[in-house]
Amino acid sequence: MDSSKDQKPQTTQQPQQQPGDGSQDSGLLGNIKSKFAAHTANPGPVVPDKFNIQQEGTKEERRAKAEALNK
């Protein structure tokens, strides 16, 4: 009799990752998600809270200047 036929094969179970759980991401997929995540993305240009720029001339003067330039 062969003793290897009598033994049951040993199996192990791997833990399953829960879908939507970003804490377990690793490798290429994790790197891509970290680059495109909204909270880590570049916010864009800075706009100050008090953005006070004086307009040149009155509304009529600006409109006349625009019409002259667009001829």
PDB file of N, CA and C in Angstrom:
ATOM      1  N   MET A   1       0.810  -1.183   0.000  1.00  0.00           N
ATOM      2  CA  MET A   1       0.000   0.000   0.000  1.00  0.00           C
ATOM      3  C   MET A   1       0.854   1.247   0.000  1.00  0.00           C
ATOM      4  N   ASP A   2       0.405   2.243  -0.755  1.00  0.00           N
ATOM      5  CA  ASP A   2       1.133   3.513  -0.808  1.00  0.00           C
ATOM      6  C   ASP A   2       0.538   4.458   0.227  1.00  0.00           C
ATOM      7  N   SER A   3       1.364   5.017   1.093  1.00  0.00           N
ATOM      8  CA  SER A   3       0.873   5.871   2.173  1.00  0.00           C
ATOM      9  C   SER A   3       0.410   7.239   1.678  1.00  0.00           C
ATOM     10  N   SER A   4       0.867   7.693   0.507  1.00  0.00           N
ATOM     11  CA  SER A   4       0.468   9.003  -0.002  1.00  0.00           C
ATOM     12  C   SER A   4      -0.986   9.017  -0.465  1.00  0.00           C
ATOM     13  N   LYS A   5      -1.541   7.868  -0.808  1.00  0.00           N
ATOM     14  CA  LYS A   5      -2.936   7.802  -1.245  1.00  0.00           C
ATOM     15  C   LYS A   5      -3.892   7.918  -0.069  1.00  0.00           C
ATOM     16  N   ASP A   6      -3.451   7.523   1.111  1.00  0.00           N
ATOM     17  CA  ASP A   6      -4.306   7.556   2.284  1.00  0.00           C
ATOM     18  C   ASP A   6      -4.420   8.951   2.894  1.00  0.00           C
ATOM     19  N   GLN A   7      -3.471   9.817   2.609  1.00  0.00           N
ATOM     20  CA  GLN A   7      -3.476  11.147   3.225  1.00  0.00           C
ATOM     21  C   GLN A   7      -4.404  12.084   2.459  1.00  0.00           C
ATOM     22  N   LYS A   8      -5.099  12.912   3.211  1.00  0.00           N
ATOM     23  CA  LYS A   8      -5.942  13.931   2.598  1.00  0.00           C
ATOM     24  C   LYS A   8      -5.070  15.120   2.215  1.00  0.00           C
ATOM     25  N   PRO A   9      -5.331  15.740   1.068  1.00  0.00           N
ATOM     26  CA  PRO A   9      -4.534  16.923   0.702  1.00  0.00           C
ATOM     27  C   PRO A   9      -4.847  18.085   1.637  1.00  0.00           C
ATOM     28  N   GLN A  10      -3.813  18.798   2.014  1.00  0.00           N
ATOM     29  CA  GLN A  10      -4.002  19.944   2.898  1.00  0.00           C
ATOM     30  C   GLN A  10      -4.326  21.176   2.059  1.00  0.00           C
ATOM     31  N   THR A  11      -5.358  21.870   2.451  1.00  0.00           N
ATOM     32  CA  THR A  11      -5.752  23.089   1.755  1.00  0.00           C
ATOM     33  C   THR A  11      -5.828  24.233   2.752  1.00  0.00           C
ATOM     34  N   THR A  12      -5.571  25.410   2.256  1.00  0.00           N
ATOM     35  CA  THR A  12      -5.685  26.608   3.084  1.00  0.00           C
ATOM     36  C   THR A  12      -6.590  27.595   2.367  1.00  0.00           C
ATOM     37  N   GLN A  13      -7.201  28.455   3.127  1.00  0.00           N
ATOM     38  CA  GLN A  13      -8.060  29.479   2.547  1.00  0.00           C
ATOM     39  C   GLN A  13      -7.381  30.829   2.678  1.00  0.00           C
ATOM     40  N   GLN A  14      -7.456  31.604   1.609  1.00  0.00           N
ATOM     41  CA  GLN A  14      -6.925  32.954   1.614  1.00  0.00           C
ATOM     42  C   GLN A  14      -8.035  33.900   2.056  1.00  0.00           C
ATOM     43  N   PRO A  15      -7.719  34.918   2.855  1.00  0.00           N
ATOM     44  CA  PRO A  15      -8.763  35.873   3.251  1.00  0.00           C
ATOM     45  C   PRO A  15      -9.243  36.667   2.044  1.00  0.00           C
ATOM     46  N   GLN A  16     -10.553  36.872   1.968  1.00  0.00           N
ATOM     47  CA  GLN A  16     -11.124  37.622   0.859  1.00  0.00           C
ATOM     48  C   GLN A  16     -11.118  39.105   1.178  1.00  0.00           C
ATOM     49  N   GLN A  17     -10.830  39.901   0.137  1.00  0.00           N
ATOM     50  CA  GLN A  17     -10.906  41.352   0.299  1.00  0.00           C
ATOM     51  C   GLN A  17     -12.351  41.778   0.097  1.00  0.00           C
ATOM     52  N   GLN A  18     -12.812  42.659   0.952  1.00  0.00           N
ATOM     53  CA  GLN A  18     -14.165  43.170   0.830  1.00  0.00           C
ATOM     54  C   GLN A  18     -14.199  44.215  -0.277  1.00  0.00           C
ATOM     55  N   PRO A  19     -15.168  44.152  -1.197  1.00  0.00           N
ATOM     56  CA  PRO A  19     -15.243  45.175  -2.245  1.00  0.00           C
ATOM     57  C   PRO A  19     -15.533  46.544  -1.649  1.00  0.00           C
ATOM     58  N   GLY A  20     -14.824  47.534  -2.164  1.00  0.00           N
ATOM     59  CA  GLY A  20     -15.036  48.898  -1.699  1.00  0.00           C
ATOM     60  C   GLY A  20     -14.176  49.283  -0.523  1.00  0.00           C
ATOM     61  N   ASP A  21     -13.423  48.347   0.036  1.00  0.00           N
ATOM     62  CA  ASP A  21     -12.555  48.663   1.170  1.00  0.00           C
ATOM     63  C   ASP A  21     -11.196  49.077   0.619  1.00  0.00           C
ATOM     64  N   GLY A  22     -10.934  50.362   0.536  1.00  0.00           N
ATOM     65  CA  GLY A  22      -9.705  50.879  -0.044  1.00  0.00           C
ATOM     66  C   GLY A  22      -8.482  50.675   0.817  1.00  0.00           C
ATOM     67  N   SER A  23      -8.641  50.267   2.062  1.00  0.00           N
ATOM     68  CA  SER A  23      -7.490  50.115   2.940  1.00  0.00           C
ATOM     69  C   SER A  23      -6.659  48.898   2.584  1.00  0.00           C
ATOM     70  N   GLN A  24      -7.191  47.960   1.828  1.00  0.00           N
ATOM     71  CA  GLN A  24      -6.462  46.753   1.502  1.00  0.00           C
ATOM     72  C   GLN A  24      -5.879  46.800   0.098  1.00  0.00           C
ATOM     73  N   ASP A  25      -6.008  47.890  -0.620  1.00  0.00           N
ATOM     74  CA  ASP A  25      -5.463  47.997  -1.965  1.00  0.00           C
ATOM     75  C   ASP A  25      -3.948  47.994  -1.908  1.00  0.00           C
ATOM     76  N   SER A  26      -3.339  47.319  -2.850  1.00  0.00           N
ATOM     77  CA  SER A  26      -1.890  47.330  -2.926  1.00  0.00           C
ATOM     78  C   SER A  26      -1.493  47.195  -4.384  1.00  0.00           C
ATOM     79  N   GLY A  27      -0.245  47.492  -4.665  1.00  0.00           N
ATOM     80  CA  GLY A  27       0.256  47.326  -6.011  1.00  0.00           C
ATOM     81  C   GLY A  27      -0.182  48.433  -6.940  1.00  0.00           C
ATOM     82  N   LEU A  28      -0.307  48.067  -8.194  1.00  0.00           N
ATOM     83  CA  LEU A  28      -0.616  49.038  -9.245  1.00  0.00           C
ATOM     84  C   LEU A  28      -1.987  49.677  -9.048  1.00  0.00           C
ATOM     85  N   LEU A  29      -2.977  48.885  -8.703  1.00  0.00           N
ATOM     86  CA  LEU A  29      -4.324  49.424  -8.507  1.00  0.00           C
ATOM     87  C   LEU A  29      -4.352  50.437  -7.370  1.00  0.00           C
ATOM     88  N   GLY A  30      -3.654  50.156  -6.294  1.00  0.00           N
ATOM     89  CA  GLY A  30      -3.592  51.084  -5.168  1.00  0.00           C
ATOM     90  C   GLY A  30      -2.901  52.380  -5.540  1.00  0.00           C
ATOM     91  N   ASN A  31      -1.837  52.295  -6.350  1.00  0.00           N
ATOM     92  CA  ASN A  31      -1.133  53.502  -6.790  1.00  0.00           C
ATOM     93  C   ASN A  31      -2.020  54.367  -7.671  1.00  0.00           C
ATOM     94  N   ILE A  32      -2.768  53.738  -8.553  1.00  0.00           N
ATOM     95  CA  ILE A  32      -3.650  54.495  -9.443  1.00  0.00           C
ATOM     96  C   ILE A  32      -4.752  55.171  -8.644  1.00  0.00           C
ATOM     97  N   LYS A  33      -5.353  54.446  -7.709  1.00  0.00           N
ATOM     98  CA  LYS A  33      -6.419  55.030  -6.899  1.00  0.00           C
ATOM     99  C   LYS A  33      -5.908  56.187  -6.059  1.00  0.00           C
ATOM    100  N   SER A  34      -4.687  56.085  -5.553  1.00  0.00           N
ATOM    101  CA  SER A  34      -4.157  57.162  -4.721  1.00  0.00           C
ATOM    102  C   SER A  34      -3.870  58.414  -5.545  1.00  0.00           C
ATOM    103  N   LYS A  35      -3.519  58.264  -6.812  1.00  0.00           N
ATOM    104  CA  LYS A  35      -3.252  59.423  -7.665  1.00  0.00           C
ATOM    105  C   LYS A  35      -4.530  60.151  -8.050  1.00  0.00           C
ATOM    106  N   PHE A  36      -5.634  59.431  -8.206  1.00  0.00           N
ATOM    107  CA  PHE A  36      -6.873  60.032  -8.672  1.00  0.00           C
ATOM    108  C   PHE A  36      -7.895  60.260  -7.567  1.00  0.00           C
ATOM    109  N   ALA A  37      -7.537  60.001  -6.345  1.00  0.00           N
ATOM    110  CA  ALA A  37      -8.465  60.218  -5.237  1.00  0.00           C
ATOM    111  C   ALA A  37      -8.737  61.713  -5.085  1.00  0.00           C
ATOM    112  N   ALA A  38      -9.970  62.058  -4.816  1.00  0.00           N
ATOM    113  CA  ALA A  38     -10.362  63.468  -4.756  1.00  0.00           C
ATOM    114  C   ALA A  38      -9.662  64.215  -3.630  1.00  0.00           C
ATOM    115  N   HIS A  39      -9.440  63.583  -2.513  1.00  0.00           N
ATOM    116  CA  HIS A  39      -8.848  64.287  -1.381  1.00  0.00           C
ATOM    117  C   HIS A  39      -7.339  64.438  -1.506  1.00  0.00           C
ATOM    118  N   THR A  40      -6.704  63.782  -2.471  1.00  0.00           N
ATOM    119  CA  THR A  40      -5.265  63.931  -2.645  1.00  0.00           C
ATOM    120  C   THR A  40      -4.909  64.608  -3.964  1.00  0.00           C
ATOM    121  N   ALA A  41      -5.899  64.938  -4.766  1.00  0.00           N
ATOM    122  CA  ALA A  41      -5.640  65.567  -6.054  1.00  0.00           C
ATOM    123  C   ALA A  41      -5.201  67.016  -5.861  1.00  0.00           C
ATOM    124  N   ASN A  42      -4.551  67.571  -6.877  1.00  0.00           N
ATOM    125  CA  ASN A  42      -4.141  68.968  -6.811  1.00  0.00           C
ATOM    126  C   ASN A  42      -5.378  69.854  -6.837  1.00  0.00           C
ATOM    127  N   PRO A  43      -5.462  70.829  -5.940  1.00  0.00           N
ATOM    128  CA  PRO A  43      -6.678  71.632  -5.841  1.00  0.00           C
ATOM    129  C   PRO A  43      -6.840  72.665  -6.943  1.00  0.00           C
ATOM    130  N   GLY A  44      -5.795  73.000  -7.678  1.00  0.00           N
ATOM    131  CA  GLY A  44      -5.910  73.999  -8.724  1.00  0.00           C
ATOM    132  C   GLY A  44      -5.324  75.326  -8.292  1.00  0.00           C
ATOM    133  N   PRO A  45      -5.554  76.379  -9.064  1.00  0.00           N
ATOM    134  CA  PRO A  45      -4.972  77.674  -8.722  1.00  0.00           C
ATOM    135  C   PRO A  45      -5.591  78.259  -7.454  1.00  0.00           C
ATOM    136  N   VAL A  46      -4.785  79.001  -6.756  1.00  0.00           N
ATOM    137  CA  VAL A  46      -5.237  79.623  -5.516  1.00  0.00           C
ATOM    138  C   VAL A  46      -5.947  80.926  -5.844  1.00  0.00           C
ATOM    139  N   VAL A  47      -7.152  81.103  -5.322  1.00  0.00           N
ATOM    140  CA  VAL A  47      -7.905  82.339  -5.483  1.00  0.00           C
ATOM    141  C   VAL A  47      -8.062  82.935  -4.091  1.00  0.00           C
ATOM    142  N   PRO A  48      -7.513  84.128  -3.872  1.00  0.00           N
ATOM    143  CA  PRO A  48      -7.617  84.710  -2.532  1.00  0.00           C
ATOM    144  C   PRO A  48      -9.056  85.077  -2.188  1.00  0.00           C
ATOM    145  N   ASP A  49      -9.343  85.114  -0.895  1.00  0.00           N
ATOM    146  CA  ASP A  49     -10.696  85.447  -0.444  1.00  0.00           C
ATOM    147  C   ASP A  49     -11.079  86.879  -0.805  1.00  0.00           C
ATOM    148  N   LYS A  50     -10.152  87.786  -0.651  1.00  0.00           N
ATOM    149  CA  LYS A  50     -10.420  89.198  -0.952  1.00  0.00           C
ATOM    150  C   LYS A  50      -9.701  89.545  -2.248  1.00  0.00           C
ATOM    151  N   PHE A  51     -10.398  89.376  -3.348  1.00  0.00           N
ATOM    152  CA  PHE A  51      -9.828  89.561  -4.670  1.00  0.00           C
ATOM    153  C   PHE A  51     -10.319  90.900  -5.216  1.00  0.00           C
ATOM    154  N   ASN A  52      -9.735  91.978  -4.725  1.00  0.00           N
ATOM    155  CA  ASN A  52     -10.182  93.329  -5.080  1.00  0.00           C
ATOM    156  C   ASN A  52      -9.300  93.905  -6.179  1.00  0.00           C
ATOM    157  N   ILE A  53      -9.780  93.819  -7.417  1.00  0.00           N
ATOM    158  CA  ILE A  53      -9.074  94.423  -8.544  1.00  0.00           C
ATOM    159  C   ILE A  53      -9.958  95.541  -9.079  1.00  0.00           C
ATOM    160  N   GLN A  54      -9.386  96.708  -9.235  1.00  0.00           N
ATOM    161  CA  GLN A  54     -10.141  97.859  -9.724  1.00  0.00           C
ATOM    162  C   GLN A  54     -10.353  97.741 -11.234  1.00  0.00           C
ATOM    163  N   GLN A  55     -11.565  98.038 -11.687  1.00  0.00           N
ATOM    164  CA  GLN A  55     -11.887  98.040 -13.105  1.00  0.00           C
ATOM    165  C   GLN A  55     -11.340  99.312 -13.741  1.00  0.00           C
ATOM    166  N   GLU A  56     -10.909  99.189 -14.994  1.00  0.00           N
ATOM    167  CA  GLU A  56     -10.411 100.364 -15.714  1.00  0.00           C
ATOM    168  C   GLU A  56     -11.590 101.100 -16.339  1.00  0.00           C
ATOM    169  N   GLY A  57     -11.854 102.282 -15.898  1.00  0.00           N
ATOM    170  CA  GLY A  57     -12.917 103.108 -16.463  1.00  0.00           C
ATOM    171  C   GLY A  57     -14.298 102.632 -16.071  1.00  0.00           C
ATOM    172  N   THR A  58     -15.279 103.266 -16.706  1.00  0.00           N
ATOM    173  CA  THR A  58     -16.670 102.918 -16.427  1.00  0.00           C
ATOM    174  C   THR A  58     -17.115 101.796 -17.367  1.00  0.00           C
ATOM    175  N   LYS A  59     -18.323 101.329 -17.159  1.00  0.00           N
ATOM    176  CA  LYS A  59     -18.851 100.252 -17.986  1.00  0.00           C
ATOM    177  C   LYS A  59     -18.949 100.685 -19.447  1.00  0.00           C
ATOM    178  N   GLU A  60     -19.384 101.919 -19.679  1.00  0.00           N
ATOM    179  CA  GLU A  60     -19.517 102.424 -21.046  1.00  0.00           C
ATOM    180  C   GLU A  60     -18.154 102.555 -21.720  1.00  0.00           C
ATOM    181  N   GLU A  61     -17.141 103.013 -20.961  1.00  0.00           N
ATOM    182  CA  GLU A  61     -15.797 103.158 -21.530  1.00  0.00           C
ATOM    183  C   GLU A  61     -15.215 101.787 -21.888  1.00  0.00           C
ATOM    184  N   ARG A  62     -15.431 100.799 -21.047  1.00  0.00           N
ATOM    185  CA  ARG A  62     -14.921  99.452 -21.337  1.00  0.00           C
ATOM    186  C   ARG A  62     -15.621  98.861 -22.559  1.00  0.00           C
ATOM    187  N   ARG A  63     -16.935  99.079 -22.673  1.00  0.00           N
ATOM    188  CA  ARG A  63     -17.676  98.563 -23.826  1.00  0.00           C
ATOM    189  C   ARG A  63     -17.214  99.252 -25.114  1.00  0.00           C
ATOM    190  N   ALA A  64     -16.988 100.568 -25.073  1.00  0.00           N
ATOM    191  CA  ALA A  64     -16.514 101.300 -26.255  1.00  0.00           C
ATOM    192  C   ALA A  64     -15.124 100.821 -26.655  1.00  0.00           C
ATOM    193  N   LYS A  65     -14.271 100.582 -25.684  1.00  0.00           N
ATOM    194  CA  LYS A  65     -12.915 100.096 -25.964  1.00  0.00           C
ATOM    195  C   LYS A  65     -12.979  98.703 -26.593  1.00  0.00           C
ATOM    196  N   ALA A  66     -13.859  97.835 -26.079  1.00  0.00           N
ATOM    197  CA  ALA A  66     -13.995  96.487 -26.627  1.00  0.00           C
ATOM    198  C   ALA A  66     -14.507  96.530 -28.059  1.00  0.00           C
ATOM    199  N   GLU A  67     -15.485  97.397 -28.336  1.00  0.00           N
ATOM    200  CA  GLU A  67     -16.008  97.516 -29.696  1.00  0.00           C
ATOM    201  C   GLU A  67     -14.949  98.049 -30.645  1.00  0.00           C
ATOM    202  N   ALA A  68     -14.122  98.980 -30.173  1.00  0.00           N
ATOM    203  CA  ALA A  68     -13.059  99.527 -31.020  1.00  0.00           C
ATOM    204  C   ALA A  68     -12.013  98.455 -31.328  1.00  0.00           C
ATOM    205  N   LEU A  69     -11.701  97.627 -30.356  1.00  0.00           N
ATOM    206  CA  LEU A  69     -10.705  96.575 -30.574  1.00  0.00           C
ATOM    207  C   LEU A  69     -11.247  95.442 -31.442  1.00  0.00           C
ATOM    208  N   ASN A  70     -12.552  95.229 -31.425  1.00  0.00           N
ATOM    209  CA  ASN A  70     -13.146  94.120 -32.173  1.00  0.00           C
ATOM    210  C   ASN A  70     -13.559  94.490 -33.594  1.00  0.00           C
ATOM    211  N   LYS A  71     -13.229  95.690 -34.061  1.00  0.00           N
ATOM    212  CA  LYS A  71     -13.579  96.099 -35.433  1.00  0.00           C
ATOM    213  C   LYS A  71     -12.709  95.419 -36.441  1.00  0.00           C
TER     214      LYS A  71
END
